[in-house]
Protein backbone atom coordinates (compact mmCIF):
# COMPACT_ATOMS: atom_id res chain seq x y z
CA MET A 1 -9.11 -79.65 135.15
CA ARG A 2 -8.89 -82.80 137.04
CA ASN A 3 -10.45 -86.07 135.65
CA VAL A 4 -13.05 -86.53 138.37
CA GLY A 5 -15.87 -89.15 137.94
CA VAL A 6 -18.90 -90.20 139.70
CA ARG A 7 -17.24 -92.90 141.70
CA GLU A 8 -14.74 -90.42 143.18
CA ILE A 9 -17.63 -88.15 144.32
CA SER A 10 -19.52 -91.09 145.55
CA ARG A 11 -16.38 -92.13 147.75
CA ARG A 12 -16.02 -88.54 149.04
CA THR A 13 -19.71 -88.05 149.95
CA GLY A 14 -20.67 -91.55 150.92
CA PHE A 15 -23.55 -91.53 148.75
CA SER A 16 -24.16 -94.36 146.12
CA PRO A 17 -22.93 -93.78 142.56
CA ALA A 18 -26.59 -93.92 141.36
CA THR A 19 -27.65 -91.12 143.71
CA VAL A 20 -24.55 -88.98 142.77
CA SER A 21 -25.48 -89.46 139.03
CA ASN A 22 -28.99 -88.62 139.69
CA ALA A 23 -28.22 -85.44 141.57
CA LEU A 24 -25.63 -84.24 138.96
CA ASN A 25 -28.23 -84.66 136.30
CA ASN A 26 -31.09 -83.07 138.21
CA LYS A 27 -33.15 -86.28 138.22
CA ARG A 28 -36.10 -86.50 140.51
CA GLY A 29 -36.16 -88.60 143.79
CA VAL A 30 -32.86 -87.14 145.21
CA ASN A 31 -33.38 -85.35 148.72
CA LYS A 32 -32.45 -81.60 148.27
CA ASP A 33 -29.98 -81.60 150.95
CA THR A 34 -28.26 -84.74 149.48
CA ALA A 35 -28.26 -83.10 146.04
CA GLU A 36 -26.63 -79.89 147.31
CA THR A 37 -23.95 -82.01 149.14
CA ILE A 38 -23.19 -83.94 146.08
CA ARG A 39 -23.06 -80.85 143.89
CA ARG A 40 -20.84 -78.97 146.19
CA MET A 41 -18.35 -81.77 146.43
CA ALA A 42 -18.39 -82.05 142.72
CA LYS A 43 -17.61 -78.35 142.29
CA GLU A 44 -14.78 -78.68 144.90
CA LEU A 45 -13.26 -81.55 142.99
CA GLY A 46 -13.51 -79.73 139.55
CA TYR A 47 -16.02 -82.04 138.22
CA GLU A 48 -17.68 -80.88 134.80
CA ARG A 49 -19.67 -82.61 132.33
CA SER A 50 -17.78 -83.29 129.01
CA GLU A 51 -19.04 -81.28 126.13
CA HIS A 52 -17.02 -83.50 123.59
CA LEU A 53 -16.17 -87.12 122.97
CA ASP A 54 -12.59 -88.63 122.94
CA HIS A 55 -13.82 -91.86 121.25
CA ILE A 56 -16.74 -93.97 120.23
CA ARG A 57 -17.16 -97.20 122.11
CA PHE A 58 -18.92 -100.15 120.26
CA VAL A 59 -20.38 -102.38 122.93
CA LEU A 60 -21.36 -105.83 121.96
CA ALA A 61 -23.81 -107.25 124.54
CA ARG A 62 -23.41 -111.01 124.30
CA LYS A 63 -25.93 -113.28 126.07
CA THR A 64 -25.65 -116.74 124.44
CA GLY A 65 -23.90 -116.24 121.20
CA LYS A 66 -26.76 -118.17 119.54
CA ILE A 67 -27.44 -115.12 117.26
CA LEU A 68 -24.20 -113.09 117.21
CA ASP A 69 -21.53 -115.90 116.91
CA GLU A 70 -22.36 -116.76 113.37
CA GLY A 71 -23.93 -113.66 112.13
CA THR A 72 -22.43 -111.02 109.88
CA PHE A 73 -24.80 -108.31 110.87
CA HIS A 74 -22.75 -106.54 113.51
CA PRO A 75 -19.46 -106.28 111.49
CA GLY A 76 -21.59 -104.15 109.08
CA VAL A 77 -22.89 -101.92 111.88
CA ILE A 78 -19.23 -101.51 113.10
CA GLU A 79 -18.25 -100.49 109.68
CA GLY A 80 -20.80 -97.75 109.61
CA VAL A 81 -19.73 -96.56 113.22
CA GLU A 82 -16.05 -96.49 112.16
CA ARG A 83 -16.76 -94.63 109.04
CA VAL A 84 -18.49 -91.67 110.75
CA ALA A 85 -16.07 -91.73 113.76
CA ALA A 86 -13.14 -91.30 111.36
CA GLN A 87 -15.03 -88.35 109.70
CA LEU A 88 -15.20 -86.84 113.08
CA LYS A 89 -11.69 -87.65 113.86
CA LEU A 90 -12.60 -89.95 116.75
CA GLN A 91 -11.22 -93.40 117.59
CA THR A 92 -13.53 -96.45 117.81
CA THR A 93 -13.05 -98.88 120.73
CA PHE A 94 -14.67 -102.11 121.18
CA THR A 95 -15.97 -103.97 124.27
CA THR A 96 -17.88 -107.17 124.75
CA ILE A 97 -20.18 -107.58 127.87
CA GLU A 98 -21.11 -111.11 128.79
CA LEU A 99 -24.61 -110.66 130.02
CA SER A 100 -24.69 -114.32 131.34
CA ASN A 101 -22.31 -113.14 134.09
CA ARG A 102 -24.62 -110.63 135.73
CA GLU A 103 -22.28 -109.36 138.32
CA ALA A 104 -19.43 -108.66 136.00
CA ALA A 105 -21.82 -107.27 133.32
CA ALA A 106 -23.31 -104.75 135.76
CA LYS A 107 -19.87 -103.61 136.83
CA GLN A 108 -18.74 -103.12 133.17
CA ALA A 109 -21.95 -101.48 132.26
CA PHE A 110 -21.71 -98.95 134.95
CA GLU A 111 -18.10 -98.06 134.24
CA ILE A 112 -18.85 -97.68 130.52
CA THR A 113 -21.96 -95.55 131.07
CA HIS A 114 -20.35 -93.25 133.47
CA ASP A 115 -17.28 -92.57 131.34
CA MET A 116 -18.06 -89.18 130.02
CA SER A 117 -15.13 -89.34 127.55
CA ASN A 118 -16.93 -91.96 125.34
CA GLY A 119 -20.13 -92.20 123.22
CA ILE A 120 -21.61 -95.63 123.39
CA VAL A 121 -23.16 -97.76 120.50
CA LEU A 122 -24.76 -100.66 122.27
CA LEU A 123 -25.60 -103.66 120.06
CA GLY A 124 -28.93 -104.88 121.49
CA THR A 125 -29.57 -107.88 119.25
CA GLU A 126 -29.36 -110.62 122.01
CA MET A 127 -30.47 -108.41 124.87
CA ALA A 128 -33.73 -109.23 126.74
CA GLU A 129 -35.84 -106.64 128.63
CA GLU A 130 -34.09 -107.24 131.87
CA ASP A 131 -30.69 -106.66 130.44
CA TYR A 132 -31.37 -103.06 129.72
CA VAL A 133 -31.61 -102.28 133.41
CA LEU A 134 -27.72 -102.53 133.45
CA PHE A 135 -27.62 -99.39 131.28
CA ARG A 136 -30.32 -97.26 132.68
CA ASP A 137 -29.62 -93.47 133.27
CA PRO A 138 -26.34 -93.45 131.32
CA GLN A 139 -24.15 -90.40 131.96
CA ALA A 140 -22.39 -90.95 128.69
CA PRO A 141 -24.42 -90.57 125.39
CA LEU A 142 -25.83 -93.90 124.42
CA VAL A 143 -27.62 -95.32 121.30
CA VAL A 144 -28.89 -98.87 121.06
CA VAL A 145 -28.65 -100.51 117.71
CA ASP A 146 -30.90 -103.43 116.76
CA GLY A 147 -32.62 -103.40 120.07
CA TRP A 148 -34.99 -101.45 122.38
CA SER A 149 -36.65 -101.44 125.89
CA ASP A 150 -40.15 -101.48 126.37
CA ARG A 151 -39.82 -99.97 130.06
CA LEU A 152 -36.95 -97.78 129.75
CA PHE A 153 -36.26 -94.79 127.24
CA PHE A 154 -33.04 -95.26 125.12
CA GLU A 155 -32.23 -93.61 121.83
CA SER A 156 -32.50 -96.60 119.35
CA VAL A 157 -31.96 -97.53 115.83
CA VAL A 158 -33.89 -100.53 114.71
CA THR A 159 -35.38 -102.26 111.70
CA GLN A 160 -38.82 -102.36 110.58
CA ASN A 161 -39.18 -106.06 111.52
CA GLU A 162 -42.95 -106.57 111.29
CA ASN A 163 -43.52 -104.54 108.09
CA SER A 164 -40.59 -106.33 106.47
CA ALA A 165 -41.75 -109.73 107.17
CA PHE A 166 -45.35 -108.60 106.13
CA ARG A 167 -44.03 -107.52 102.75
CA ALA A 168 -42.01 -110.78 102.17
CA VAL A 169 -44.93 -113.06 103.04
CA THR A 170 -47.23 -110.82 100.93
CA TYR A 171 -44.88 -111.21 98.08
CA LEU A 172 -45.16 -115.00 98.30
CA ALA A 173 -48.97 -114.78 98.32
CA GLU A 174 -49.09 -112.42 95.35
CA HIS A 175 -46.94 -114.95 93.41
CA GLY A 176 -49.48 -117.84 93.95
CA HIS A 177 -48.41 -119.32 97.35
CA ARG A 178 -51.35 -120.40 99.50
CA GLN A 179 -49.63 -122.81 101.87
CA ILE A 180 -47.01 -120.61 103.57
CA GLY A 181 -45.05 -122.07 106.53
CA TYR A 182 -42.91 -120.26 109.09
CA ILE A 183 -39.56 -121.30 110.38
CA ALA A 184 -38.80 -119.99 113.89
CA GLY A 185 -35.75 -119.92 115.91
CA ASP A 186 -35.76 -121.65 119.24
CA TYR A 187 -33.92 -118.71 120.74
CA ARG A 188 -36.32 -115.92 120.80
CA ILE A 189 -34.59 -112.47 120.55
CA LYS A 190 -36.90 -109.44 120.43
CA ASN A 191 -36.86 -109.19 116.70
CA PHE A 192 -38.37 -112.58 115.99
CA PRO A 193 -41.80 -112.20 117.53
CA LEU A 194 -42.34 -109.04 115.49
CA ARG A 195 -41.43 -110.77 112.21
CA GLU A 196 -43.88 -113.59 113.18
CA ARG A 197 -46.49 -110.88 113.64
CA GLY A 198 -45.85 -109.57 110.21
CA TYR A 199 -46.09 -113.15 108.78
CA ARG A 200 -49.50 -113.63 110.57
CA ARG A 201 -50.85 -110.21 109.47
CA ALA A 202 -49.91 -110.87 105.86
CA MET A 203 -51.56 -114.22 106.01
CA ARG A 204 -54.81 -112.91 107.37
CA GLU A 205 -54.94 -110.11 104.93
CA ALA A 206 -54.44 -112.58 101.95
CA GLY A 207 -57.13 -114.74 103.30
CA LEU A 208 -54.66 -117.66 103.95
CA THR A 209 -54.85 -120.29 106.68
CA ILE A 210 -52.07 -120.43 109.09
CA ASP A 211 -51.52 -124.07 109.77
CA SER A 212 -49.54 -124.92 112.93
CA LYS A 213 -48.01 -128.16 111.45
CA TRP A 214 -46.04 -125.66 109.17
CA ARG A 215 -44.48 -123.79 112.05
CA VAL A 216 -41.12 -125.47 112.45
CA VAL A 217 -38.86 -124.51 115.28
CA VAL A 218 -35.17 -124.86 114.66
CA GLY A 219 -31.88 -123.90 116.15
CA THR A 220 -30.38 -120.40 115.38
CA THR A 221 -27.00 -121.59 114.05
CA VAL A 222 -26.35 -123.16 110.58
CA ASN A 223 -25.67 -126.64 112.24
CA THR A 224 -28.49 -126.60 114.81
CA SER A 225 -31.04 -125.30 112.19
CA TYR A 226 -29.89 -128.11 109.86
CA ASP A 227 -30.16 -130.75 112.48
CA ALA A 228 -33.76 -129.75 113.48
CA MET A 229 -34.95 -129.36 109.92
CA LYS A 230 -33.53 -132.76 109.17
CA GLU A 231 -35.21 -134.33 112.14
CA TRP A 232 -38.51 -132.55 111.14
CA LEU A 233 -38.27 -133.92 107.50
CA SER A 234 -37.52 -137.47 108.82
CA ALA A 235 -41.19 -137.91 109.62
CA ASN A 236 -41.99 -137.21 105.78
CA PRO A 237 -44.41 -134.38 106.72
CA PRO A 238 -46.61 -132.75 103.98
CA LEU A 239 -44.69 -129.54 102.82
CA PRO A 240 -46.21 -126.08 102.26
CA THR A 241 -45.37 -124.49 98.91
CA ALA A 242 -43.19 -121.93 100.69
CA PHE A 243 -41.39 -121.06 103.97
CA PHE A 244 -40.74 -117.73 105.37
CA VAL A 245 -37.54 -118.01 107.75
CA GLU A 246 -36.79 -115.55 110.57
CA ASN A 247 -33.18 -115.10 109.48
CA ASP A 248 -30.78 -116.11 106.71
CA ILE A 249 -28.62 -118.18 108.96
CA MET A 250 -31.50 -120.53 109.78
CA ALA A 251 -32.74 -120.52 106.13
CA LEU A 252 -29.17 -121.80 105.02
CA GLY A 253 -29.16 -124.81 107.50
CA CYS A 254 -32.68 -125.66 106.58
CA MET A 255 -32.09 -125.47 102.83
CA ARG A 256 -29.03 -127.74 103.30
CA ALA A 257 -31.26 -130.38 105.06
CA MET A 258 -33.96 -130.08 102.42
CA THR A 259 -31.68 -130.56 99.55
CA GLU A 260 -30.07 -133.61 101.28
CA GLN A 261 -33.55 -135.15 101.52
CA GLY A 262 -34.18 -134.53 97.88
CA ILE A 263 -36.38 -131.52 98.22
CA ARG A 264 -35.78 -129.07 95.32
CA ILE A 265 -35.73 -125.43 96.08
CA PRO A 266 -37.73 -123.64 94.69
CA GLU A 267 -39.34 -126.39 92.54
CA ASP A 268 -40.82 -128.19 95.61
CA VAL A 269 -40.71 -125.45 98.14
CA SER A 270 -39.73 -121.88 97.94
CA VAL A 271 -37.70 -120.11 100.88
CA VAL A 272 -37.47 -116.43 101.78
CA GLY A 273 -34.99 -115.29 104.44
CA PHE A 274 -34.37 -112.05 106.41
CA ASP A 275 -31.09 -110.13 106.72
CA ASP A 276 -29.40 -110.45 103.34
CA LEU A 277 -26.04 -111.75 104.79
CA PRO A 278 -23.19 -112.12 102.37
CA TYR A 279 -23.54 -115.76 101.59
CA ALA A 280 -27.32 -115.30 100.67
CA SER A 281 -26.24 -114.24 97.14
CA VAL A 282 -23.87 -117.20 96.62
CA CYS A 283 -25.72 -120.07 98.21
CA ASN A 284 -27.52 -122.60 96.11
CA PRO A 285 -29.94 -121.32 94.93
CA PRO A 286 -29.37 -117.65 95.85
CA LEU A 287 -31.80 -116.68 98.60
CA THR A 288 -34.55 -114.31 98.38
CA THR A 289 -34.48 -112.12 101.52
CA ALA A 290 -34.97 -108.82 103.11
CA ARG A 291 -31.79 -106.71 103.37
CA ILE A 292 -31.08 -104.81 106.58
CA PRO A 293 -29.03 -101.56 106.16
CA ASN A 294 -26.50 -102.53 108.85
CA ARG A 295 -23.95 -100.07 107.92
CA GLU A 296 -26.42 -97.30 107.64
CA MET A 297 -27.69 -98.26 111.14
CA GLY A 298 -24.13 -97.85 112.56
CA GLU A 299 -23.77 -94.50 110.67
CA ILE A 300 -27.03 -93.08 112.05
CA ALA A 301 -26.36 -94.22 115.58
CA THR A 302 -23.12 -92.37 115.67
CA HIS A 303 -24.76 -89.29 114.29
CA ARG A 304 -27.38 -89.59 117.13
CA LEU A 305 -24.65 -89.71 119.67
CA MET A 306 -23.18 -86.62 118.37
CA ASP A 307 -26.65 -84.98 118.48
CA GLN A 308 -26.99 -85.89 122.16
CA ILE A 309 -23.60 -83.81 122.74
CA ARG A 310 -24.60 -80.82 120.62
CA GLU A 311 -28.30 -80.56 121.40
CA PRO A 312 -29.17 -82.32 124.53
CA ARG A 313 -32.93 -82.93 124.91
CA ASP A 314 -35.18 -84.41 127.46
CA TYR A 315 -36.65 -87.19 125.20
CA THR A 316 -35.47 -90.07 123.25
CA CYS A 317 -36.24 -91.30 119.68
CA VAL A 318 -36.57 -94.69 118.25
CA THR A 319 -35.55 -94.66 114.58
CA HIS A 320 -37.10 -97.39 112.37
CA LEU A 321 -35.23 -98.35 109.13
CA SER A 322 -36.95 -100.07 106.39
CA THR A 323 -35.50 -103.22 104.42
CA THR A 324 -34.88 -103.70 100.81
CA PHE A 325 -36.62 -106.92 99.51
CA VAL A 326 -34.10 -108.71 97.32
CA GLU A 327 -35.57 -111.11 94.72
CA ARG A 328 -33.37 -114.10 93.84
CA GLN A 329 -33.89 -117.67 92.82
CA SER A 330 -35.16 -119.38 95.92
CA VAL A 331 -38.87 -118.59 95.06
CA LYS A 332 -40.93 -120.23 92.46
CA PHE A 333 -43.84 -118.23 90.91
CA LEU A 334 -47.10 -120.24 91.06
CA GLN A 335 -50.32 -119.53 89.24
CA SER A 336 -52.62 -117.13 91.34
């Protein structure tokens, strides 16, 4: 059988690759005569949809690097992907798509999503809604990890962001904290507004006041979060008894700035993070946080790819994984 792809059929028929893809997959919107012409050419060229994968492709979609470059979340996802791929006797390959270069990203995304020999695990951490358009109507099986589209339907594996933040802030309230601030990243990935929504819901249900003076916006790297917190503290503001921080990287930078200013953690202010990155257990003090099951996310995503091959269906699922709340020494228990 010849290795014929969508681009070759497009070249032979004169129709766009998108039209060819839609016709071969019986999508609506393709003229009947056009679809018949495309299918006839595909048959003449020996085109057949692959019923097995040669490899799993892990695609890191990078927009700014402000979240991914210092994070250790995605190596855990990769480990999970590789573990299941090895069990299936499949190789794992890696591709980075720089979303800031739209033209190059669009070309890369099309080639990857129309390569029927690969199954795609797409890391969506830094992806915004407009970026998912590049991956619409994939011909290869595709699962998004740590991301989702509100307008397009993709199989996705994500974290329960809102409920996890709700539980973390409720934990603070149950241990006597009444003044709980929020440390937000200045680069707003899709996870962060959900975590803030969980914070706000927990505050409301605990009957606590959300004070805007304790919403501190910082950078999303260790150094930029440190710099922003140091600047905020320079005005000698009143402190809440606790902060919930959108992720552990920001928590580390902020804790460093607080410590340098003589603020004791947790005696003067408690801190709760999100992610449970490796350093969270060894920083000073060890950080109370919500652990994301990143390896399991990679494993589940790879199994979902195989499901798309074995049992194709005309709908997609979004799988929400819960977090594990990890209590360490960065929280002081106050009297209720």
